[in-house]
């Protein structure tokens, strides 16, 4: 059990760091025409707990919406799609980032839904290519080869977050460009 707890903590932290770095790099490149990995790491490391909390709260809120009825879950998910980029860019905590995300996506939810459906399909197809490695990992786990299973599954799980970070950051950059940087600040 302690191995699984350590695995979960490392996986969540690594995923948050990766989402934050991808977001920061994209925003840096958009604004300055150049992205610096070292600068992004330095900027994002202190934000990892906020990134993880923001992503977790947004996911839990959307899941609750799905439990109530599918439409509220979809609307919450779309409304909070840019919460992590907002948290990274503005240094906001989870709840203010979610509020700012909701404000930024106001009036654009149908376009974001359409883009999200396309992204789900494309990312889902790419994820299917990773299925043999995931099945291998699951088999190793069943056989008791926990460390090897984790060594295979961890990078897969973390790096599957990169496309979503790219999509969310691209949406955020577009919304900021369309509405102006200060119009929807929380």
Protein backbone atom coordinates (compact mmCIF):
# COMPACT_ATOMS: atom_id res chain seq x y z
CA UNK A 1 0.00 0.00 0.00
CA UNK A 2 2.76 2.55 0.75
CA UNK A 3 4.14 1.96 -2.78
CA UNK A 4 0.79 2.90 -4.31
CA UNK A 5 0.49 6.04 -2.18
CA UNK A 6 4.01 7.13 -3.14
CA UNK A 7 3.22 6.30 -6.78
CA UNK A 8 0.04 8.38 -6.69
CA UNK A 9 1.76 11.37 -5.08
CA UNK A 10 4.65 11.29 -7.55
CA UNK A 11 2.32 10.78 -10.51
CA UNK A 12 0.01 13.64 -9.53
CA UNK A 13 2.94 15.97 -8.81
CA UNK A 14 4.69 15.09 -12.06
CA UNK A 15 1.47 15.54 -13.99
CA UNK A 16 0.89 18.95 -12.41
CA UNK A 17 4.46 20.00 -13.14
CA UNK A 18 4.20 18.86 -16.74
CA UNK A 19 0.86 20.62 -17.29
CA UNK A 20 2.27 23.80 -15.79
CA UNK A 21 5.50 23.73 -17.78
CA UNK A 22 3.71 23.05 -21.07
CA UNK A 23 1.31 25.91 -20.33
CA UNK A 24 4.09 28.31 -19.33
CA UNK A 25 6.22 27.42 -22.36
CA UNK A 26 3.32 27.99 -24.76
CA UNK A 27 2.41 31.33 -23.19
CA UNK A 28 6.06 32.42 -23.17
CA UNK A 29 6.44 31.54 -26.83
CA UNK A 30 3.23 33.34 -27.76
CA UNK A 31 4.16 36.52 -25.91
CA UNK A 32 7.91 36.67 -26.44
CA UNK A 33 8.47 34.52 -29.52
CA UNK A 34 10.83 32.30 -27.54
CA UNK A 35 10.33 29.76 -24.79
CA UNK A 36 12.87 28.98 -22.08
CA UNK A 37 12.49 25.60 -20.38
CA UNK A 38 14.58 26.59 -17.35
CA UNK A 39 12.55 29.75 -16.78
CA UNK A 40 9.32 27.77 -17.11
CA UNK A 41 10.50 25.19 -14.57
CA UNK A 42 11.48 27.92 -12.09
CA UNK A 43 8.14 29.67 -12.55
CA UNK A 44 5.99 26.54 -12.32
CA UNK A 45 7.56 24.47 -9.52
CA UNK A 46 6.09 26.69 -6.77
CA UNK A 47 2.70 26.50 -8.52
CA UNK A 48 2.46 22.68 -8.64
CA UNK A 49 0.21 22.40 -5.55
CA UNK A 50 -2.10 25.08 -7.00
CA UNK A 51 -2.12 23.40 -10.43
CA UNK A 52 -2.95 20.01 -8.89
CA UNK A 53 -5.66 21.51 -6.65
CA UNK A 54 -7.18 23.48 -9.56
CA UNK A 55 -7.23 20.49 -11.90
CA UNK A 56 -8.63 18.24 -9.15
CA UNK A 57 -11.40 20.64 -8.11
CA UNK A 58 -12.41 21.29 -11.72
CA UNK A 59 -12.48 17.55 -12.47
CA UNK A 60 -14.45 16.75 -9.30
CA UNK A 61 -16.94 19.54 -10.04
CA UNK A 62 -17.43 18.31 -13.60
CA UNK A 63 -17.82 14.70 -12.38
CA UNK A 64 -20.47 15.83 -9.91
CA UNK A 65 -22.22 17.57 -12.79
CA UNK A 66 -22.09 14.32 -14.79
CA UNK A 67 -23.63 12.44 -11.85
CA UNK A 68 -26.49 14.95 -11.62
CA UNK A 69 -27.04 14.91 -15.38
CA UNK A 70 -24.67 14.81 -18.35
CA UNK A 71 -25.29 18.36 -19.61
CA UNK A 72 -24.24 20.14 -16.37
CA UNK A 73 -21.06 18.08 -16.29
CA UNK A 74 -20.19 19.02 -19.85
CA UNK A 75 -20.93 22.70 -19.20
CA UNK A 76 -18.80 22.73 -16.04
CA UNK A 77 -15.96 20.96 -17.81
CA UNK A 78 -16.09 23.43 -20.71
CA UNK A 79 -16.41 26.43 -18.36
CA UNK A 80 -13.35 25.35 -16.39
CA UNK A 81 -11.28 24.16 -19.34
CA UNK A 82 -8.78 27.02 -18.96
CA UNK A 83 -8.60 27.01 -15.15
CA UNK A 84 -5.07 25.55 -15.05
CA UNK A 85 -3.66 27.95 -17.67
CA UNK A 86 -5.30 30.83 -15.75
CA UNK A 87 -3.71 29.61 -12.49
CA UNK A 88 -0.28 29.33 -14.15
CA UNK A 89 -0.50 32.63 -16.01
CA UNK A 90 -1.99 34.78 -13.27
CA UNK A 91 -0.77 32.95 -10.17
CA UNK A 92 -4.34 32.55 -8.90
CA UNK A 93 -5.52 29.94 -6.44
CA UNK A 94 -7.89 27.17 -7.52
CA UNK A 95 -11.25 28.88 -6.87
CA UNK A 96 -10.28 32.29 -8.38
CA UNK A 97 -8.76 30.46 -11.39
CA UNK A 98 -11.98 28.52 -11.88
CA UNK A 99 -14.02 31.74 -11.64
CA UNK A 100 -11.75 33.46 -14.15
CA UNK A 101 -11.97 30.44 -16.46
CA UNK A 102 -15.76 30.53 -16.27
CA UNK A 103 -15.75 34.25 -17.12
CA UNK A 104 -13.29 33.82 -19.99
CA UNK A 105 -15.26 31.00 -21.58
CA UNK A 106 -18.57 32.90 -21.34
CA UNK A 107 -20.00 33.24 -24.83
CA UNK A 108 -17.54 30.72 -26.30
CA UNK A 109 -18.72 27.48 -24.73
CA UNK A 110 -20.18 26.02 -27.96
CA UNK A 111 -16.96 26.63 -29.90
CA UNK A 112 -14.94 25.18 -27.02
CA UNK A 113 -17.25 22.14 -26.91
CA UNK A 114 -16.73 21.54 -30.64
CA UNK A 115 -12.95 21.85 -30.31
CA UNK A 116 -13.00 19.60 -27.24
CA UNK A 117 -14.91 16.88 -29.08
CA UNK A 118 -12.36 16.93 -31.91
CA UNK A 119 -9.51 16.88 -29.36
CA UNK A 120 -11.11 13.95 -27.46
CA UNK A 121 -11.33 11.96 -30.69
CA UNK A 122 -7.76 12.70 -31.80
CA UNK A 123 -6.24 12.17 -28.36
CA UNK A 124 -8.33 9.02 -27.90
CA UNK A 125 -6.99 7.58 -31.16
CA UNK A 126 -3.42 8.40 -30.17
CA UNK A 127 -4.01 6.86 -26.73
CA UNK A 128 -5.14 3.64 -28.39
CA UNK A 129 -1.63 3.30 -29.80
CA UNK A 130 -0.39 3.16 -26.20
CA UNK A 131 -2.86 0.42 -25.24
CA UNK A 132 -0.36 -2.48 -25.64
CA UNK A 133 1.99 -0.83 -23.13
CA UNK A 134 -0.88 -0.22 -20.73
CA UNK A 135 -1.97 -3.86 -21.01
CA UNK A 136 1.62 -4.96 -20.39
CA UNK A 137 1.74 -2.75 -17.31
CA UNK A 138 -1.56 -4.17 -16.02
CA UNK A 139 -0.30 -7.71 -16.55
CA UNK A 140 2.92 -6.96 -14.71
CA UNK A 141 0.92 -5.47 -11.84
CA UNK A 142 -1.20 -8.63 -11.58
CA UNK A 143 1.94 -10.76 -11.52
CA UNK A 144 3.32 -8.71 -8.66
CA UNK A 145 5.94 -6.81 -10.66
CA UNK A 146 4.77 -3.53 -9.18
CA UNK A 147 7.94 -1.52 -9.73
CA UNK A 148 8.24 -2.49 -13.40
CA UNK A 149 4.51 -1.88 -13.95
CA UNK A 150 4.81 1.57 -12.40
CA UNK A 151 7.93 2.30 -14.47
CA UNK A 152 5.94 1.59 -17.64
CA UNK A 153 2.63 3.19 -16.65
CA UNK A 154 3.91 6.40 -15.05
CA UNK A 155 5.37 8.05 -18.15
CA UNK A 156 2.31 7.00 -20.16
CA UNK A 157 -0.07 8.52 -17.64
CA UNK A 158 1.87 11.75 -17.25
CA UNK A 159 2.55 12.30 -20.93
CA UNK A 160 -1.07 11.69 -21.90
CA UNK A 161 -1.73 14.98 -20.09
CA UNK A 162 0.43 16.95 -22.53
CA UNK A 163 -2.14 17.10 -25.37
CA UNK A 164 -4.83 18.34 -22.96
CA UNK A 165 -2.45 20.98 -21.60
CA UNK A 166 -1.74 22.09 -25.18
CA UNK A 167 -5.44 22.28 -26.04
CA UNK A 168 -6.37 24.14 -22.84
CA UNK A 169 -3.52 26.62 -23.24
CA UNK A 170 -4.33 27.24 -26.90
CA UNK A 171 -7.95 27.92 -25.94
CA UNK A 172 -6.80 30.23 -23.13
CA UNK A 173 -4.42 32.15 -25.40
CA UNK A 174 -7.18 32.60 -27.98
CA UNK A 175 -9.72 33.75 -25.37
CA UNK A 176 -7.21 36.23 -23.91
CA UNK A 177 -6.39 37.53 -27.37
CA UNK A 178 -10.11 37.89 -28.23
CA UNK A 179 -11.21 39.51 -24.97
CA UNK A 180 -8.12 41.44 -23.94
CA UNK A 181 -5.86 40.61 -20.98
CA UNK A 182 -7.70 42.47 -18.24
CA UNK A 183 -11.32 42.16 -19.24
CA UNK A 184 -12.09 38.94 -17.34
CA UNK A 185 -9.48 38.98 -14.59
CA UNK A 186 -10.84 37.56 -11.36
